[in-house]
């Protein structure tokens, strides 16, 4: 259908970062090096657009190898049992001159919950190969406790070692895919669950 555009996340030119509180006053900042996804944009009815993002959880990097190993372990993410997180949108709210609000289901650690993301367009361009590109920032907040990630320790001075709210900050570079046959049902577009381009997406 001509009104549908298919876009792939170019993870090699994107970044997926997160921040959470550590030891009451400090913050842990980290990211994931292997992730990807795609967007099916409905130009006629934007609220029917669909977003899919997947993350290889073993690719976490907080700048501390010992801490990363602990986060990957069964004490926390348990990446052997739950190697991947996935977000699938259920509704897109688009208003003129405002960031889009995307509601959807996040599956993490074997648990699925509704979360909300804010997506804001930054720029569009055409590269040397004639491919249309776009850059978006994606922000959101995830309550780790809701996904069964409950490890923590109380501090003698009060408070806990790790906060519950994980703040997401993503800069997603997308490249428009060649036209293809779209799903006949616009409410269930044909996603590629391993979508993405670039070296960061190819390490699945």
N, C-alpha and C. Protein backbone atom coordinates (compact mmCIF):
# COMPACT_ATOMS: atom_id res chain seq x y z
N UNK A 1 0.85 -1.19 0.00
CA UNK A 1 0.00 0.00 0.00
C UNK A 1 0.89 1.24 0.00
N UNK A 2 0.56 2.18 -0.89
CA UNK A 2 1.45 3.31 -1.12
C UNK A 2 1.55 4.23 0.09
N UNK A 3 0.59 4.19 0.99
CA UNK A 3 0.63 5.09 2.14
C UNK A 3 1.52 4.58 3.26
N UNK A 4 2.06 3.35 3.13
CA UNK A 4 2.91 2.77 4.17
C UNK A 4 4.38 2.90 3.79
N UNK A 5 5.18 3.38 4.73
CA UNK A 5 6.63 3.47 4.56
C UNK A 5 7.30 2.54 5.56
N UNK A 6 8.28 1.78 5.11
CA UNK A 6 9.02 0.87 5.98
C UNK A 6 10.42 1.43 6.22
N UNK A 7 10.76 1.62 7.51
CA UNK A 7 12.05 2.17 7.90
C UNK A 7 12.78 1.17 8.80
N UNK A 8 14.10 1.04 8.60
CA UNK A 8 14.93 0.17 9.42
C UNK A 8 15.86 1.00 10.29
N UNK A 9 16.04 0.58 11.54
CA UNK A 9 17.00 1.25 12.41
C UNK A 9 18.41 0.89 11.97
N UNK A 10 19.22 1.91 11.73
CA UNK A 10 20.64 1.73 11.40
C UNK A 10 21.41 1.82 12.71
N UNK A 11 21.54 0.68 13.39
CA UNK A 11 22.11 0.67 14.74
C UNK A 11 23.58 1.10 14.75
N UNK A 12 24.26 0.93 13.63
CA UNK A 12 25.66 1.35 13.56
C UNK A 12 25.85 2.85 13.66
N UNK A 13 24.78 3.61 13.39
CA UNK A 13 24.83 5.06 13.49
C UNK A 13 23.87 5.58 14.56
N UNK A 14 23.49 4.70 15.48
CA UNK A 14 22.54 5.05 16.53
C UNK A 14 23.15 4.74 17.89
N UNK A 15 22.46 5.15 18.95
CA UNK A 15 22.92 4.84 20.30
C UNK A 15 21.73 4.52 21.18
N UNK A 16 21.91 3.53 22.04
CA UNK A 16 20.86 3.12 22.98
C UNK A 16 21.46 3.22 24.38
N UNK A 17 21.07 4.26 25.12
CA UNK A 17 21.65 4.55 26.42
C UNK A 17 20.59 4.49 27.52
N UNK A 18 21.03 4.24 28.75
CA UNK A 18 20.13 4.25 29.90
C UNK A 18 20.85 4.83 31.11
N UNK A 19 20.05 5.29 32.08
CA UNK A 19 20.58 5.86 33.32
C UNK A 19 19.70 5.40 34.47
N UNK A 20 20.30 5.05 35.60
CA UNK A 20 19.53 4.78 36.82
C UNK A 20 20.34 5.19 38.03
N UNK A 21 19.63 5.47 39.10
CA UNK A 21 20.27 5.94 40.32
C UNK A 21 21.07 4.81 40.97
N UNK A 22 22.22 5.18 41.55
CA UNK A 22 23.09 4.21 42.23
C UNK A 22 23.61 4.85 43.51
N UNK A 23 23.48 4.13 44.62
CA UNK A 23 23.99 4.61 45.91
C UNK A 23 23.39 5.97 46.27
N UNK A 24 22.10 6.11 46.06
CA UNK A 24 21.29 7.27 46.44
C UNK A 24 21.60 8.52 45.63
N UNK A 25 22.86 8.92 45.55
CA UNK A 25 23.17 10.22 44.93
C UNK A 25 23.90 10.09 43.60
N UNK A 26 24.42 8.91 43.28
CA UNK A 26 25.15 8.74 42.03
C UNK A 26 24.25 8.11 40.97
N UNK A 27 24.74 8.08 39.74
CA UNK A 27 24.01 7.47 38.65
C UNK A 27 24.90 6.47 37.92
N UNK A 28 24.27 5.41 37.45
CA UNK A 28 24.92 4.49 36.53
C UNK A 28 24.44 4.83 35.12
N UNK A 29 25.38 4.99 34.21
CA UNK A 29 25.04 5.22 32.82
C UNK A 29 25.60 4.08 32.00
N UNK A 30 24.82 3.60 31.09
CA UNK A 30 25.27 2.48 30.27
C UNK A 30 24.53 2.44 28.96
N UNK A 31 24.76 1.37 28.21
CA UNK A 31 24.11 1.23 26.93
C UNK A 31 24.16 -0.20 26.45
N UNK A 32 23.60 -0.42 25.26
CA UNK A 32 23.62 -1.72 24.61
C UNK A 32 24.22 -1.55 23.22
N UNK A 33 25.10 -2.47 22.85
CA UNK A 33 25.79 -2.35 21.57
C UNK A 33 25.11 -3.13 20.45
N UNK A 34 24.23 -4.08 20.80
CA UNK A 34 23.54 -4.86 19.77
C UNK A 34 22.03 -4.71 19.95
N UNK A 35 21.43 -4.05 18.99
CA UNK A 35 19.98 -3.81 19.02
C UNK A 35 19.54 -3.39 17.62
N UNK A 36 18.24 -3.35 17.42
CA UNK A 36 17.73 -2.96 16.11
C UNK A 36 16.22 -2.84 16.14
N UNK A 37 15.62 -2.81 14.96
CA UNK A 37 14.17 -2.69 14.89
C UNK A 37 13.73 -2.00 13.63
N UNK A 38 12.43 -1.77 13.54
CA UNK A 38 11.92 -1.08 12.36
C UNK A 38 10.64 -0.34 12.68
N UNK A 39 10.26 0.51 11.74
CA UNK A 39 9.08 1.36 11.84
C UNK A 39 8.28 1.21 10.56
N UNK A 40 6.99 0.97 10.70
CA UNK A 40 6.09 1.04 9.56
C UNK A 40 5.22 2.27 9.77
N UNK A 41 5.44 3.27 8.94
CA UNK A 41 4.77 4.56 9.10
C UNK A 41 3.62 4.67 8.11
N UNK A 42 2.45 4.96 8.65
CA UNK A 42 1.26 5.16 7.83
C UNK A 42 1.07 6.66 7.63
N UNK A 43 1.33 7.13 6.43
CA UNK A 43 1.26 8.57 6.15
C UNK A 43 -0.17 9.09 6.20
N UNK A 44 -1.14 8.24 5.87
CA UNK A 44 -2.54 8.66 5.86
C UNK A 44 -3.13 8.67 7.25
N UNK A 45 -2.84 7.64 8.02
CA UNK A 45 -3.37 7.50 9.37
C UNK A 45 -2.21 7.19 10.32
N UNK A 46 -1.48 8.22 10.75
CA UNK A 46 -0.26 7.99 11.54
C UNK A 46 -0.48 7.16 12.80
N UNK A 47 -1.67 7.23 13.39
CA UNK A 47 -1.91 6.48 14.63
C UNK A 47 -1.87 4.96 14.39
N UNK A 48 -1.95 4.53 13.12
CA UNK A 48 -1.84 3.12 12.78
C UNK A 48 -0.39 2.69 12.53
N UNK A 49 0.55 3.61 12.64
CA UNK A 49 1.96 3.27 12.48
C UNK A 49 2.38 2.26 13.54
N UNK A 50 3.44 1.53 13.25
CA UNK A 50 3.91 0.50 14.17
C UNK A 50 5.41 0.61 14.37
N UNK A 51 5.84 0.33 15.61
CA UNK A 51 7.26 0.40 15.97
C UNK A 51 7.66 -0.91 16.63
N UNK A 52 8.79 -1.46 16.23
CA UNK A 52 9.37 -2.63 16.87
C UNK A 52 10.83 -2.34 17.19
N UNK A 53 11.23 -2.59 18.43
CA UNK A 53 12.63 -2.44 18.83
C UNK A 53 13.02 -3.68 19.64
N UNK A 54 14.16 -4.29 19.31
CA UNK A 54 14.68 -5.41 20.08
C UNK A 54 16.07 -5.06 20.60
N UNK A 55 16.45 -5.67 21.73
CA UNK A 55 17.76 -5.42 22.35
C UNK A 55 18.37 -6.75 22.78
N UNK A 56 19.62 -6.98 22.40
CA UNK A 56 20.39 -8.12 22.89
C UNK A 56 20.95 -7.73 24.26
N UNK A 57 20.37 -8.29 25.32
CA UNK A 57 20.70 -7.84 26.67
C UNK A 57 22.12 -8.18 27.08
N UNK A 58 22.71 -9.21 26.48
CA UNK A 58 24.10 -9.56 26.82
C UNK A 58 25.08 -8.50 26.35
N UNK A 59 24.64 -7.57 25.49
CA UNK A 59 25.54 -6.55 24.96
C UNK A 59 25.61 -5.32 25.87
N UNK A 60 25.10 -5.44 27.10
CA UNK A 60 25.12 -4.30 28.03
C UNK A 60 26.56 -3.87 28.33
N UNK A 61 26.74 -2.57 28.48
CA UNK A 61 28.06 -2.01 28.80
C UNK A 61 27.87 -0.79 29.69
N UNK A 62 28.30 -0.91 30.94
CA UNK A 62 28.23 0.22 31.88
C UNK A 62 29.61 0.77 32.20
N UNK A 63 30.63 0.29 31.47
CA UNK A 63 31.99 0.76 31.73
C UNK A 63 32.67 0.05 32.88
N UNK A 64 32.07 -1.01 33.41
CA UNK A 64 32.65 -1.77 34.52
C UNK A 64 32.38 -3.25 34.24
N UNK A 65 33.42 -3.98 33.83
CA UNK A 65 33.25 -5.37 33.40
C UNK A 65 32.68 -6.26 34.51
N UNK A 66 33.12 -6.04 35.74
CA UNK A 66 32.61 -6.85 36.85
C UNK A 66 31.12 -6.59 37.08
N UNK A 67 30.73 -5.33 37.04
CA UNK A 67 29.32 -5.00 37.21
C UNK A 67 28.49 -5.53 36.05
N UNK A 68 29.00 -5.44 34.83
CA UNK A 68 28.27 -5.96 33.68
C UNK A 68 28.04 -7.46 33.80
N UNK A 69 29.04 -8.19 34.28
CA UNK A 69 28.89 -9.64 34.46
C UNK A 69 27.80 -9.94 35.48
N UNK A 70 27.74 -9.14 36.55
CA UNK A 70 26.71 -9.34 37.57
C UNK A 70 25.33 -9.05 37.01
N UNK A 71 25.22 -7.99 36.20
CA UNK A 71 23.93 -7.63 35.62
C UNK A 71 23.45 -8.72 34.66
N UNK A 72 24.35 -9.36 33.94
CA UNK A 72 23.99 -10.44 33.02
C UNK A 72 23.60 -11.72 33.75
N UNK A 73 24.03 -11.87 34.99
CA UNK A 73 23.88 -13.12 35.74
C UNK A 73 22.43 -13.38 36.14
N UNK A 74 22.13 -14.60 36.64
CA UNK A 74 20.77 -14.91 37.11
C UNK A 74 20.29 -14.00 38.24
N UNK A 75 21.19 -13.28 38.91
CA UNK A 75 20.78 -12.36 39.97
C UNK A 75 19.97 -11.18 39.43
N UNK A 76 20.18 -10.87 38.14
CA UNK A 76 19.52 -9.69 37.60
C UNK A 76 18.86 -9.99 36.25
N UNK A 77 19.49 -9.69 35.12
CA UNK A 77 18.84 -9.88 33.83
C UNK A 77 18.71 -11.35 33.43
N UNK A 78 19.64 -12.18 33.88
CA UNK A 78 19.61 -13.62 33.55
C UNK A 78 19.55 -13.81 32.04
N UNK A 79 20.59 -13.34 31.36
CA UNK A 79 20.56 -13.31 29.89
C UNK A 79 20.59 -14.70 29.27
N UNK A 80 21.01 -15.72 30.02
CA UNK A 80 20.96 -17.07 29.46
C UNK A 80 19.51 -17.52 29.26
N UNK A 81 18.64 -17.17 30.19
CA UNK A 81 17.22 -17.53 30.07
C UNK A 81 16.43 -16.51 29.27
N UNK A 82 16.80 -15.23 29.40
CA UNK A 82 16.05 -14.15 28.76
C UNK A 82 17.03 -13.28 27.98
N UNK A 83 17.46 -13.74 26.81
CA UNK A 83 18.53 -13.03 26.09
C UNK A 83 18.12 -11.73 25.44
N UNK A 84 16.83 -11.49 25.35
CA UNK A 84 16.39 -10.37 24.50
C UNK A 84 15.21 -9.63 25.13
N UNK A 85 15.21 -8.32 24.98
CA UNK A 85 14.05 -7.49 25.31
C UNK A 85 13.43 -7.01 24.00
N UNK A 86 12.11 -6.85 24.02
CA UNK A 86 11.43 -6.44 22.79
C UNK A 86 10.27 -5.51 23.11
N UNK A 87 10.18 -4.43 22.35
CA UNK A 87 9.07 -3.48 22.45
C UNK A 87 8.27 -3.51 21.16
N UNK A 88 6.94 -3.70 21.29
CA UNK A 88 6.03 -3.65 20.15
C UNK A 88 4.95 -2.62 20.44
N UNK A 89 4.82 -1.65 19.58
CA UNK A 89 3.84 -0.60 19.82
C UNK A 89 2.42 -1.12 19.64
N UNK A 90 1.50 -0.48 20.34
CA UNK A 90 0.07 -0.78 20.21
C UNK A 90 -0.72 0.45 19.75
N UNK A 91 -0.15 1.64 19.95
CA UNK A 91 -0.84 2.86 19.53
C UNK A 91 0.18 3.99 19.41
N UNK A 92 -0.01 4.82 18.39
CA UNK A 92 0.87 5.96 18.17
C UNK A 92 0.01 7.22 18.16
N UNK A 93 0.35 8.18 19.00
CA UNK A 93 -0.37 9.46 19.05
C UNK A 93 0.52 10.54 18.45
N UNK A 94 0.05 11.16 17.39
CA UNK A 94 0.84 12.16 16.66
C UNK A 94 0.06 13.47 16.64
N UNK A 95 0.71 14.56 17.06
CA UNK A 95 0.11 15.89 17.00
C UNK A 95 1.08 16.83 16.31
N UNK A 96 0.55 17.81 15.61
CA UNK A 96 1.39 18.76 14.89
C UNK A 96 2.32 19.49 15.86
N UNK A 97 3.60 19.56 15.47
CA UNK A 97 4.62 20.33 16.19
C UNK A 97 4.85 19.82 17.62
N UNK A 98 4.49 18.57 17.89
CA UNK A 98 4.76 17.96 19.19
C UNK A 98 5.37 16.59 18.99
N UNK A 99 6.18 16.12 19.97
CA UNK A 99 6.72 14.75 19.86
C UNK A 99 5.59 13.73 19.81
N UNK A 100 5.82 12.63 19.09
CA UNK A 100 4.85 11.54 19.06
C UNK A 100 4.95 10.76 20.38
N UNK A 101 3.82 10.25 20.84
CA UNK A 101 3.78 9.40 22.02
C UNK A 101 3.40 7.99 21.57
N UNK A 102 4.28 7.03 21.84
CA UNK A 102 4.08 5.66 21.40
C UNK A 102 3.82 4.77 22.61
N UNK A 103 2.68 4.14 22.64
CA UNK A 103 2.34 3.18 23.69
C UNK A 103 2.57 1.78 23.15
N UNK A 104 3.00 0.86 24.03
CA UNK A 104 3.24 -0.49 23.56
C UNK A 104 3.57 -1.44 24.69
N UNK A 105 3.89 -2.68 24.31
CA UNK A 105 4.21 -3.74 25.27
C UNK A 105 5.71 -4.00 25.23
N UNK A 106 6.33 -3.89 26.39
CA UNK A 106 7.74 -4.23 26.55
C UNK A 106 7.83 -5.59 27.21
N UNK A 107 8.53 -6.51 26.56
CA UNK A 107 8.79 -7.83 27.13
C UNK A 107 10.24 -7.86 27.59
N UNK A 108 10.43 -8.09 28.90
CA UNK A 108 11.75 -8.06 29.51
C UNK A 108 11.77 -9.04 30.67
N UNK A 109 12.80 -9.87 30.72
CA UNK A 109 12.95 -10.81 31.83
C UNK A 109 11.73 -11.74 31.92
N UNK A 110 11.14 -12.08 30.77
CA UNK A 110 10.01 -12.98 30.74
C UNK A 110 8.68 -12.36 31.16
N UNK A 111 8.64 -11.05 31.33
CA UNK A 111 7.44 -10.34 31.78
C UNK A 111 7.10 -9.26 30.74
N UNK A 112 5.82 -9.08 30.48
CA UNK A 112 5.37 -8.05 29.53
C UNK A 112 4.52 -7.01 30.25
N UNK A 113 4.83 -5.73 30.03
CA UNK A 113 4.07 -4.64 30.62
C UNK A 113 3.93 -3.52 29.60
N UNK A 114 2.89 -2.71 29.79
CA UNK A 114 2.70 -1.53 28.95
C UNK A 114 3.69 -0.44 29.36
N UNK A 115 4.31 0.18 28.38
CA UNK A 115 5.17 1.32 28.63
C UNK A 115 4.86 2.39 27.57
N UNK A 116 5.33 3.59 27.83
CA UNK A 116 5.08 4.71 26.92
C UNK A 116 6.41 5.38 26.58
N UNK A 117 6.61 5.64 25.30
CA UNK A 117 7.82 6.28 24.82
C UNK A 117 7.45 7.58 24.11
N UNK A 118 8.37 8.54 24.17
CA UNK A 118 8.22 9.79 23.43
C UNK A 118 9.23 9.80 22.30
N UNK A 119 8.77 10.08 21.09
CA UNK A 119 9.64 10.06 19.91
C UNK A 119 9.58 11.42 19.24
N UNK A 120 10.76 11.99 19.00
CA UNK A 120 10.83 13.33 18.41
C UNK A 120 11.77 13.33 17.21
N UNK A 121 11.29 13.85 16.09
CA UNK A 121 12.08 13.92 14.87
C UNK A 121 13.18 14.97 15.03
N UNK A 122 14.39 14.64 14.56
CA UNK A 122 15.53 15.55 14.64
C UNK A 122 15.93 16.09 13.26
N UNK A 123 16.07 15.20 12.30
CA UNK A 123 16.49 15.67 10.98
C UNK A 123 16.24 14.56 9.94
N UNK A 124 16.20 14.98 8.67
CA UNK A 124 16.05 14.07 7.54
C UNK A 124 17.10 14.43 6.50
N UNK A 125 17.53 13.42 5.73
CA UNK A 125 18.55 13.67 4.72
C UNK A 125 18.53 12.55 3.69
N UNK A 126 19.28 12.75 2.62
CA UNK A 126 19.49 11.72 1.61
C UNK A 126 20.99 11.48 1.52
N UNK A 127 21.40 10.20 1.65
CA UNK A 127 22.84 9.91 1.67
C UNK A 127 23.39 9.81 0.25
N UNK A 128 24.70 9.51 0.16
CA UNK A 128 25.38 9.49 -1.14
C UNK A 128 24.85 8.39 -2.05
N UNK A 129 24.23 7.36 -1.47
CA UNK A 129 23.66 6.27 -2.26
C UNK A 129 22.21 6.52 -2.63
N UNK A 130 21.70 7.70 -2.28
CA UNK A 130 20.33 8.04 -2.61
C UNK A 130 19.29 7.51 -1.64
N UNK A 131 19.74 6.95 -0.51
CA UNK A 131 18.80 6.42 0.48
C UNK A 131 18.31 7.55 1.39
N UNK A 132 17.03 7.52 1.68
CA UNK A 132 16.44 8.53 2.56
C UNK A 132 16.68 8.12 4.01
N UNK A 133 17.18 9.06 4.80
CA UNK A 133 17.51 8.79 6.20
C UNK A 133 16.78 9.76 7.11
N UNK A 134 16.58 9.33 8.36
CA UNK A 134 15.94 10.18 9.36
C UNK A 134 16.54 9.85 10.72
N UNK A 135 16.57 10.83 11.61
CA UNK A 135 17.08 10.63 12.96
C UNK A 135 16.00 11.05 13.95
N UNK A 136 15.76 10.19 14.95
CA UNK A 136 14.77 10.46 15.99
C UNK A 136 15.40 10.25 17.36
N UNK A 137 14.95 11.02 18.33
CA UNK A 137 15.30 10.74 19.72
C UNK A 137 14.10 10.07 20.38
N UNK A 138 14.39 9.04 21.17
CA UNK A 138 13.37 8.28 21.87
C UNK A 138 13.69 8.32 23.36
N UNK A 139 12.74 8.71 24.17
CA UNK A 139 12.94 8.76 25.62
C UNK A 139 11.80 8.03 26.31
N UNK A 140 12.09 7.53 27.49
CA UNK A 140 11.07 6.83 28.26
C UNK A 140 11.62 6.42 29.61
N UNK A 141 10.76 5.81 30.40
CA UNK A 141 11.14 5.37 31.74
C UNK A 141 10.55 3.99 31.98
N UNK A 142 11.36 3.10 32.55
CA UNK A 142 10.93 1.73 32.84
C UNK A 142 11.14 1.46 34.32
N UNK A 143 10.14 0.90 34.97
CA UNK A 143 10.23 0.48 36.37
C UNK A 143 10.74 -0.95 36.40
N UNK A 144 11.99 -1.15 36.79
CA UNK A 144 12.58 -2.48 36.74
C UNK A 144 11.86 -3.47 37.64
N UNK A 145 11.30 -2.99 38.76
CA UNK A 145 10.60 -3.88 39.68
C UNK A 145 9.39 -4.54 39.01
N UNK A 146 8.75 -3.82 38.09
CA UNK A 146 7.58 -4.35 37.41
C UNK A 146 7.92 -5.56 36.54
N UNK A 147 9.20 -5.70 36.18
CA UNK A 147 9.64 -6.82 35.34
C UNK A 147 10.36 -7.90 36.15
N UNK A 148 10.19 -7.87 37.44
CA UNK A 148 10.78 -8.90 38.29
C UNK A 148 12.26 -8.72 38.55
N UNK A 149 12.81 -7.54 38.24
CA UNK A 149 14.23 -7.26 38.48
C UNK A 149 14.35 -6.60 39.85
N UNK A 150 14.30 -7.42 40.89
CA UNK A 150 14.11 -6.91 42.24
C UNK A 150 15.36 -6.92 43.10
N UNK A 151 16.49 -7.30 42.52
CA UNK A 151 17.71 -7.36 43.34
C UNK A 151 18.05 -5.98 43.89
N UNK A 152 18.42 -5.92 45.16
CA UNK A 152 18.85 -4.67 45.77
C UNK A 152 19.45 -4.96 47.14
N UNK A 153 20.04 -3.95 47.72
CA UNK A 153 20.56 -4.03 49.08
C UNK A 153 20.25 -2.73 49.80
N UNK A 154 19.87 -2.84 51.06
CA UNK A 154 19.67 -1.63 51.87
C UNK A 154 21.01 -1.08 52.30
N UNK A 155 21.09 0.25 52.39
CA UNK A 155 22.30 0.90 52.85
C UNK A 155 22.18 1.26 54.32
N UNK A 156 23.29 1.19 55.03
CA UNK A 156 23.28 1.53 56.45
C UNK A 156 22.79 2.96 56.67
N UNK A 157 23.11 3.85 55.74
CA UNK A 157 22.74 5.26 55.88
C UNK A 157 21.32 5.53 55.37
N UNK A 158 20.63 4.47 54.94
CA UNK A 158 19.29 4.65 54.38
C UNK A 158 19.31 4.63 52.88
N UNK A 159 18.22 4.22 52.29
CA UNK A 159 18.15 4.12 50.84
C UNK A 159 18.59 2.75 50.36
N UNK A 160 18.69 2.60 49.04
CA UNK A 160 19.07 1.33 48.45
C UNK A 160 20.19 1.55 47.44
N UNK A 161 20.83 0.43 47.05
CA UNK A 161 21.98 0.53 46.15
C UNK A 161 21.57 0.99 44.75
N UNK A 162 20.49 0.41 44.22
CA UNK A 162 20.08 0.70 42.85
C UNK A 162 18.63 1.18 42.84
N UNK A 163 18.36 2.28 42.13
CA UNK A 163 17.01 2.81 42.04
C UNK A 163 16.12 1.95 41.16
N UNK A 164 14.83 2.19 41.21
CA UNK A 164 13.87 1.40 40.44
C UNK A 164 13.66 1.93 39.03
N UNK A 165 13.72 3.22 38.83
CA UNK A 165 13.41 3.81 37.53
C UNK A 165 14.64 3.83 36.62
N UNK A 166 14.49 3.22 35.46
CA UNK A 166 15.54 3.22 34.44
C UNK A 166 15.11 4.18 33.34
N UNK A 167 15.89 5.23 33.13
CA UNK A 167 15.56 6.22 32.11
C UNK A 167 16.26 5.87 30.80
N UNK A 168 15.49 5.85 29.73
CA UNK A 168 16.01 5.48 28.42
C UNK A 168 16.24 6.72 27.57
N UNK A 169 17.35 6.72 26.84
CA UNK A 169 17.68 7.82 25.93
C UNK A 169 18.27 7.20 24.67
N UNK A 170 17.52 7.22 23.60
CA UNK A 170 17.93 6.56 22.37
C UNK A 170 18.00 7.59 21.25
N UNK A 171 19.07 7.54 20.49
CA UNK A 171 19.13 8.29 19.23
C UNK A 171 19.11 7.27 18.11
N UNK A 172 18.01 7.23 17.40
CA UNK A 172 17.80 6.21 16.38
C UNK A 172 17.92 6.80 14.98
N UNK A 173 18.92 6.31 14.26
CA UNK A 173 19.05 6.67 12.84
C UNK A 173 18.32 5.61 12.03
N UNK A 174 17.44 6.05 11.16
CA UNK A 174 16.66 5.12 10.35
C UNK A 174 16.94 5.35 8.88
N UNK A 175 16.86 4.27 8.12
CA UNK A 175 16.99 4.35 6.67
C UNK A 175 15.74 3.74 6.06
N UNK A 176 15.20 4.44 5.07
CA UNK A 176 13.96 3.96 4.45
C UNK A 176 14.25 2.75 3.57
N UNK A 177 13.50 1.68 3.79
CA UNK A 177 13.68 0.45 3.03
C UNK A 177 13.02 0.58 1.66
N UNK A 178 13.48 -0.20 0.68
CA UNK A 178 12.81 -0.19 -0.62
C UNK A 178 11.35 -0.58 -0.48
N UNK A 179 10.53 -0.09 -1.38
CA UNK A 179 9.10 -0.42 -1.35
C UNK A 179 8.93 -1.92 -1.44
N UNK A 180 7.98 -2.43 -0.64
CA UNK A 180 7.70 -3.86 -0.65
C UNK A 180 6.20 -4.05 -0.47
N UNK A 181 5.76 -5.25 -0.68
CA UNK A 181 4.34 -5.54 -0.49
C UNK A 181 4.01 -5.45 0.98
N UNK A 182 3.08 -4.59 1.33
CA UNK A 182 2.71 -4.40 2.72
C UNK A 182 1.65 -5.41 3.12
N UNK A 183 1.51 -5.63 4.41
CA UNK A 183 0.47 -6.52 4.92
C UNK A 183 -0.90 -5.98 4.51
N UNK A 184 -1.81 -6.87 4.11
CA UNK A 184 -3.15 -6.39 3.74
C UNK A 184 -3.92 -5.84 4.93
N UNK A 185 -3.51 -6.20 6.14
CA UNK A 185 -4.17 -5.70 7.35
C UNK A 185 -3.28 -4.63 7.96
N UNK A 186 -3.68 -3.36 7.84
CA UNK A 186 -2.84 -2.27 8.35
C UNK A 186 -2.69 -2.33 9.86
N UNK A 187 -3.61 -3.02 10.52
CA UNK A 187 -3.55 -3.12 11.98
C UNK A 187 -2.51 -4.15 12.42
N UNK A 188 -2.02 -4.97 11.49
CA UNK A 188 -1.01 -5.98 11.84
C UNK A 188 0.05 -6.00 10.76
N UNK A 189 0.86 -4.94 10.65
CA UNK A 189 1.86 -4.84 9.58
C UNK A 189 2.92 -5.93 9.71
N UNK A 190 3.57 -6.19 8.60
CA UNK A 190 4.52 -7.29 8.49
C UNK A 190 5.87 -6.88 9.05
N UNK A 191 6.09 -7.13 10.33
CA UNK A 191 7.35 -6.79 10.97
C UNK A 191 8.39 -7.89 10.74
N UNK A 192 9.63 -7.48 10.69
CA UNK A 192 10.76 -8.41 10.77
C UNK A 192 11.29 -8.32 12.19
N UNK A 193 11.13 -9.39 12.97
CA UNK A 193 11.49 -9.35 14.39
C UNK A 193 12.98 -9.21 14.62
N UNK A 194 13.80 -9.41 13.56
CA UNK A 194 15.24 -9.22 13.67
C UNK A 194 15.71 -8.06 12.82
N UNK A 195 14.83 -7.08 12.63
CA UNK A 195 15.13 -5.98 11.72
C UNK A 195 16.27 -5.13 12.24
N UNK A 196 16.91 -4.45 11.32
CA UNK A 196 17.98 -3.52 11.62
C UNK A 196 19.08 -3.64 10.59
N UNK A 197 19.85 -2.59 10.44
CA UNK A 197 20.99 -2.61 9.54
C UNK A 197 22.20 -2.09 10.29
N UNK A 198 23.38 -2.37 9.77
CA UNK A 198 24.60 -1.88 10.41
C UNK A 198 25.19 -2.91 11.34
N UNK A 199 26.46 -2.72 11.74
CA UNK A 199 27.18 -3.70 12.54
C UNK A 199 26.54 -4.00 13.88
N UNK A 200 25.92 -3.02 14.52
CA UNK A 200 25.33 -3.27 15.83
C UNK A 200 24.11 -4.17 15.73
N UNK A 201 23.46 -4.16 14.59
CA UNK A 201 22.28 -5.01 14.41
C UNK A 201 22.63 -6.39 13.91
N UNK A 202 23.84 -6.57 13.38
CA UNK A 202 24.19 -7.83 12.76
C UNK A 202 24.80 -8.82 13.73
N UNK A 203 24.94 -8.42 15.01
CA UNK A 203 25.59 -9.30 15.98
C UNK A 203 24.65 -10.18 16.75
N UNK A 204 23.46 -10.46 16.21
CA UNK A 204 22.48 -11.27 16.94
C UNK A 204 22.96 -12.70 17.04
